[in-house]
Amino acid sequence: QVQLVESGGGLVQAGGSLRLSCAASGRTFSLYAVGWFRQAPGKEREFVAATTWRAAYTHSADSVKGRFTISRNDAENTVSLQMNSLKPEDTAVYYCAAYSAVAWPRTGAYEYAYWGQGTQVTVSS
């Protein structure tokens, strides 16, 4: 099994920045990719960005391209999401997720086997 723990959420004004971190533990050698999803109240969980665990390929949703950057730290087994130029519509609970199947990229929540507990990001106008 793989355990994922998110950190770094909070309250920020529009135009500001936040950095989320996802710490992976357990059978991390089995992972193929790690991604970030978000879910706003009353909305479906949506894909934000993902990175392969080893080869460092990345893929991002059009809504965050140019503002959000996903990266990995091999030594610390972490994946970070740097979020710049935040907008009120970015307000959501952000989840770290991962999968082991050899497939790229995956953007559907149902395609991810492992999930963190989520961290709240609130952007005020």
C-alpha atoms as a PDB file:
ATOM      1  CA  GLN A   1       0.000   0.000   0.000  1.00  0.00           C
ATOM      2  CA  VAL A   2       0.906   3.642  -0.440  1.00  0.00           C
ATOM      3  CA  GLN A   3       0.096   6.437   1.966  1.00  0.00           C
ATOM      4  CA  LEU A   4      -0.203  10.056   0.838  1.00  0.00           C
ATOM      5  CA  VAL A   5      -0.263  13.082   3.144  1.00  0.00           C
ATOM      6  CA  GLU A   6      -0.871  16.607   1.884  1.00  0.00           C
ATOM      7  CA  SER A   7       0.230  19.842   3.523  1.00  0.00           C
ATOM      8  CA  GLY A   8       0.486  23.516   2.684  1.00  0.00           C
ATOM      9  CA  GLY A   9      -3.100  24.631   2.194  1.00  0.00           C
ATOM     10  CA  GLY A  10      -4.459  27.862   3.609  1.00  0.00           C
ATOM     11  CA  LEU A  11      -6.051  31.229   2.944  1.00  0.00           C
ATOM     12  CA  VAL A  12      -4.528  33.613   0.396  1.00  0.00           C
ATOM     13  CA  GLN A  13      -5.642  36.724  -1.445  1.00  0.00           C
ATOM     14  CA  ALA A  14      -6.281  36.678  -5.169  1.00  0.00           C
ATOM     15  CA  GLY A  15      -3.016  37.008  -7.066  1.00  0.00           C
ATOM     16  CA  GLY A  16      -1.050  35.343  -4.286  1.00  0.00           C
ATOM     17  CA  SER A  17       0.800  32.042  -4.156  1.00  0.00           C
ATOM     18  CA  LEU A  18       0.696  28.794  -2.193  1.00  0.00           C
ATOM     19  CA  ARG A  19       2.800  25.661  -2.321  1.00  0.00           C
ATOM     20  CA  LEU A  20       1.205  22.296  -1.595  1.00  0.00           C
ATOM     21  CA  SER A  21       3.265  19.246  -0.739  1.00  0.00           C
ATOM     22  CA  CYS A  22       2.397  15.548  -0.897  1.00  0.00           C
ATOM     23  CA  ALA A  23       4.514  13.110   1.077  1.00  0.00           C
ATOM     24  CA  ALA A  24       4.392   9.518  -0.130  1.00  0.00           C
ATOM     25  CA  SER A  25       5.292   6.501   2.007  1.00  0.00           C
ATOM     26  CA  GLY A  26       4.921   2.750   1.881  1.00  0.00           C
ATOM     27  CA  ARG A  27       5.375   0.898  -1.418  1.00  0.00           C
ATOM     28  CA  THR A  28       6.397   3.993  -3.354  1.00  0.00           C
ATOM     29  CA  PHE A  29       8.605   1.889  -5.641  1.00  0.00           C
ATOM     30  CA  SER A  30       5.382   0.621  -7.218  1.00  0.00           C
ATOM     31  CA  LEU A  31       4.109   4.056  -8.206  1.00  0.00           C
ATOM     32  CA  TYR A  32       3.943   5.205 -11.820  1.00  0.00           C
ATOM     33  CA  ALA A  33       2.505   8.692 -11.341  1.00  0.00           C
ATOM     34  CA  VAL A  34       1.294  11.156  -8.725  1.00  0.00           C
ATOM     35  CA  GLY A  35      -1.250  13.864  -9.357  1.00  0.00           C
ATOM     36  CA  TRP A  36      -3.306  16.626  -7.804  1.00  0.00           C
ATOM     37  CA  PHE A  37      -7.061  16.956  -7.965  1.00  0.00           C
ATOM     38  CA  ARG A  38      -9.390  19.545  -6.478  1.00  0.00           C
ATOM     39  CA  GLN A  39     -13.010  19.628  -5.480  1.00  0.00           C
ATOM     40  CA  ALA A  40     -15.058  22.741  -4.850  1.00  0.00           C
ATOM     41  CA  PRO A  41     -18.379  22.614  -2.973  1.00  0.00           C
ATOM     42  CA  GLY A  42     -21.115  21.192  -5.163  1.00  0.00           C
ATOM     43  CA  LYS A  43     -18.725  20.308  -7.972  1.00  0.00           C
ATOM     44  CA  GLU A  44     -17.078  17.135  -9.176  1.00  0.00           C
ATOM     45  CA  ARG A  45     -13.485  16.352  -8.366  1.00  0.00           C
ATOM     46  CA  GLU A  46     -11.327  17.656 -11.206  1.00  0.00           C
ATOM     47  CA  PHE A  47      -7.821  16.954 -12.402  1.00  0.00           C
ATOM     48  CA  VAL A  48      -5.215  19.649 -11.829  1.00  0.00           C
ATOM     49  CA  ALA A  49      -1.775  18.233 -12.661  1.00  0.00           C
ATOM     50  CA  ALA A  50       0.292  15.052 -12.562  1.00  0.00           C
ATOM     51  CA  THR A  51       3.880  13.889 -12.820  1.00  0.00           C
ATOM     52  CA  THR A  52       5.426  10.516 -13.410  1.00  0.00           C
ATOM     53  CA  TRP A  53       7.248   9.185 -10.376  1.00  0.00           C
ATOM     54  CA  ARG A  54      10.551   8.521 -12.176  1.00  0.00           C
ATOM     55  CA  ALA A  55      10.803  10.074 -15.627  1.00  0.00           C
ATOM     56  CA  ALA A  56       9.483  13.518 -14.600  1.00  0.00           C
ATOM     57  CA  TYR A  57       6.908  13.878 -17.344  1.00  0.00           C
ATOM     58  CA  THR A  58       4.227  16.366 -16.342  1.00  0.00           C
ATOM     59  CA  HIS A  59       0.717  17.124 -17.503  1.00  0.00           C
ATOM     60  CA  SER A  60      -1.566  19.942 -16.378  1.00  0.00           C
ATOM     61  CA  ALA A  61      -5.159  20.993 -16.882  1.00  0.00           C
ATOM     62  CA  ASP A  62      -5.667  23.925 -19.246  1.00  0.00           C
ATOM     63  CA  SER A  63      -7.227  25.938 -16.414  1.00  0.00           C
ATOM     64  CA  VAL A  64      -3.951  26.013 -14.468  1.00  0.00           C
ATOM     65  CA  LYS A  65      -1.308  26.024 -17.212  1.00  0.00           C
ATOM     66  CA  GLY A  66       1.090  28.918 -16.781  1.00  0.00           C
ATOM     67  CA  ARG A  67       0.049  29.363 -13.125  1.00  0.00           C
ATOM     68  CA  PHE A  68       0.583  25.997 -11.403  1.00  0.00           C
ATOM     69  CA  THR A  69       3.731  23.876 -11.545  1.00  0.00           C
ATOM     70  CA  ILE A  70       4.033  20.283 -10.357  1.00  0.00           C
ATOM     71  CA  SER A  71       7.406  18.873  -9.349  1.00  0.00           C
ATOM     72  CA  ARG A  72       8.916  15.919  -7.509  1.00  0.00           C
ATOM     73  CA  ASN A  73      11.697  15.518  -4.961  1.00  0.00           C
ATOM     74  CA  ASP A  74      13.130  12.025  -5.274  1.00  0.00           C
ATOM     75  CA  ALA A  75      15.215  12.241  -2.120  1.00  0.00           C
ATOM     76  CA  GLU A  76      12.240  13.172   0.035  1.00  0.00           C
ATOM     77  CA  ASN A  77       9.546  11.155  -1.795  1.00  0.00           C
ATOM     78  CA  THR A  78       7.438  14.259  -2.184  1.00  0.00           C
ATOM     79  CA  VAL A  79       5.466  15.902  -4.966  1.00  0.00           C
ATOM     80  CA  SER A  80       4.779  19.620  -4.792  1.00  0.00           C
ATOM     81  CA  LEU A  81       2.266  21.892  -6.480  1.00  0.00           C
ATOM     82  CA  GLN A  82       3.393  25.498  -6.744  1.00  0.00           C
ATOM     83  CA  MET A  83       0.342  27.665  -7.297  1.00  0.00           C
ATOM     84  CA  ASN A  84       0.843  31.240  -8.477  1.00  0.00           C
ATOM     85  CA  SER A  85      -1.565  33.973  -9.584  1.00  0.00           C
ATOM     86  CA  LEU A  86      -4.333  32.325  -7.592  1.00  0.00           C
ATOM     87  CA  LYS A  87      -7.932  33.170  -8.381  1.00  0.00           C
ATOM     88  CA  PRO A  88     -11.086  32.856  -6.251  1.00  0.00           C
ATOM     89  CA  GLU A  89     -12.210  30.036  -8.557  1.00  0.00           C
ATOM     90  CA  ASP A  90      -9.170  28.027  -7.430  1.00  0.00           C
ATOM     91  CA  THR A  91     -10.815  27.679  -4.014  1.00  0.00           C
ATOM     92  CA  ALA A  92     -11.282  23.975  -3.291  1.00  0.00           C
ATOM     93  CA  VAL A  93     -10.069  21.026  -1.294  1.00  0.00           C
ATOM     94  CA  TYR A  94      -6.919  19.800  -3.017  1.00  0.00           C
ATOM     95  CA  TYR A  95      -6.128  16.088  -3.015  1.00  0.00           C
ATOM     96  CA  CYS A  96      -2.941  14.229  -3.790  1.00  0.00           C
ATOM     97  CA  ALA A  97      -3.475  10.954  -5.624  1.00  0.00           C
ATOM     98  CA  ALA A  98      -1.355   8.224  -7.189  1.00  0.00           C
ATOM     99  CA  TYR A  99      -1.525   5.100  -9.315  1.00  0.00           C
ATOM    100  CA  SER A 100       0.714   2.188 -10.250  1.00  0.00           C
ATOM    101  CA  ALA A 101      -0.535   1.187 -13.710  1.00  0.00           C
ATOM    102  CA  VAL A 102       1.812   1.979 -16.594  1.00  0.00           C
ATOM    103  CA  ALA A 103      -0.342   4.551 -18.378  1.00  0.00           C
ATOM    104  CA  TRP A 104       0.199   8.253 -19.078  1.00  0.00           C
ATOM    105  CA  PRO A 105      -1.348  10.638 -18.553  1.00  0.00           C
ATOM    106  CA  ARG A 106      -4.367   9.773 -16.470  1.00  0.00           C
ATOM    107  CA  THR A 107      -6.807  12.572 -15.652  1.00  0.00           C
ATOM    108  CA  GLY A 108      -9.829  10.729 -14.292  1.00  0.00           C
ATOM    109  CA  ALA A 109     -10.207  10.486 -10.531  1.00  0.00           C
ATOM    110  CA  TYR A 110     -11.434   6.898 -10.895  1.00  0.00           C
ATOM    111  CA  GLU A 111      -8.056   5.999 -12.432  1.00  0.00           C
ATOM    112  CA  TYR A 112      -6.133   6.821  -9.267  1.00  0.00           C
ATOM    113  CA  ALA A 113      -5.838   4.101  -6.611  1.00  0.00           C
ATOM    114  CA  TYR A 114      -4.333   6.013  -3.713  1.00  0.00           C
ATOM    115  CA  TRP A 115      -5.586   9.243  -2.146  1.00  0.00           C
ATOM    116  CA  GLY A 116      -4.592  11.652   0.568  1.00  0.00           C
ATOM    117  CA  GLN A 117      -7.011  13.253   2.999  1.00  0.00           C
ATOM    118  CA  GLY A 118      -7.064  16.625   1.248  1.00  0.00           C
ATOM    119  CA  THR A 119      -6.049  20.151   2.172  1.00  0.00           C
ATOM    120  CA  GLN A 120      -8.197  23.274   1.925  1.00  0.00           C
ATOM    121  CA  VAL A 121      -7.152  26.149  -0.323  1.00  0.00           C
ATOM    122  CA  THR A 122      -9.193  29.336  -0.055  1.00  0.00           C
ATOM    123  CA  VAL A 123      -8.559  32.327  -2.322  1.00  0.00           C
ATOM    124  CA  SER A 124     -10.256  35.551  -1.285  1.00  0.00           C
ATOM    125  CA  SER A 125     -11.155  38.273  -3.776  1.00  0.00           C
END
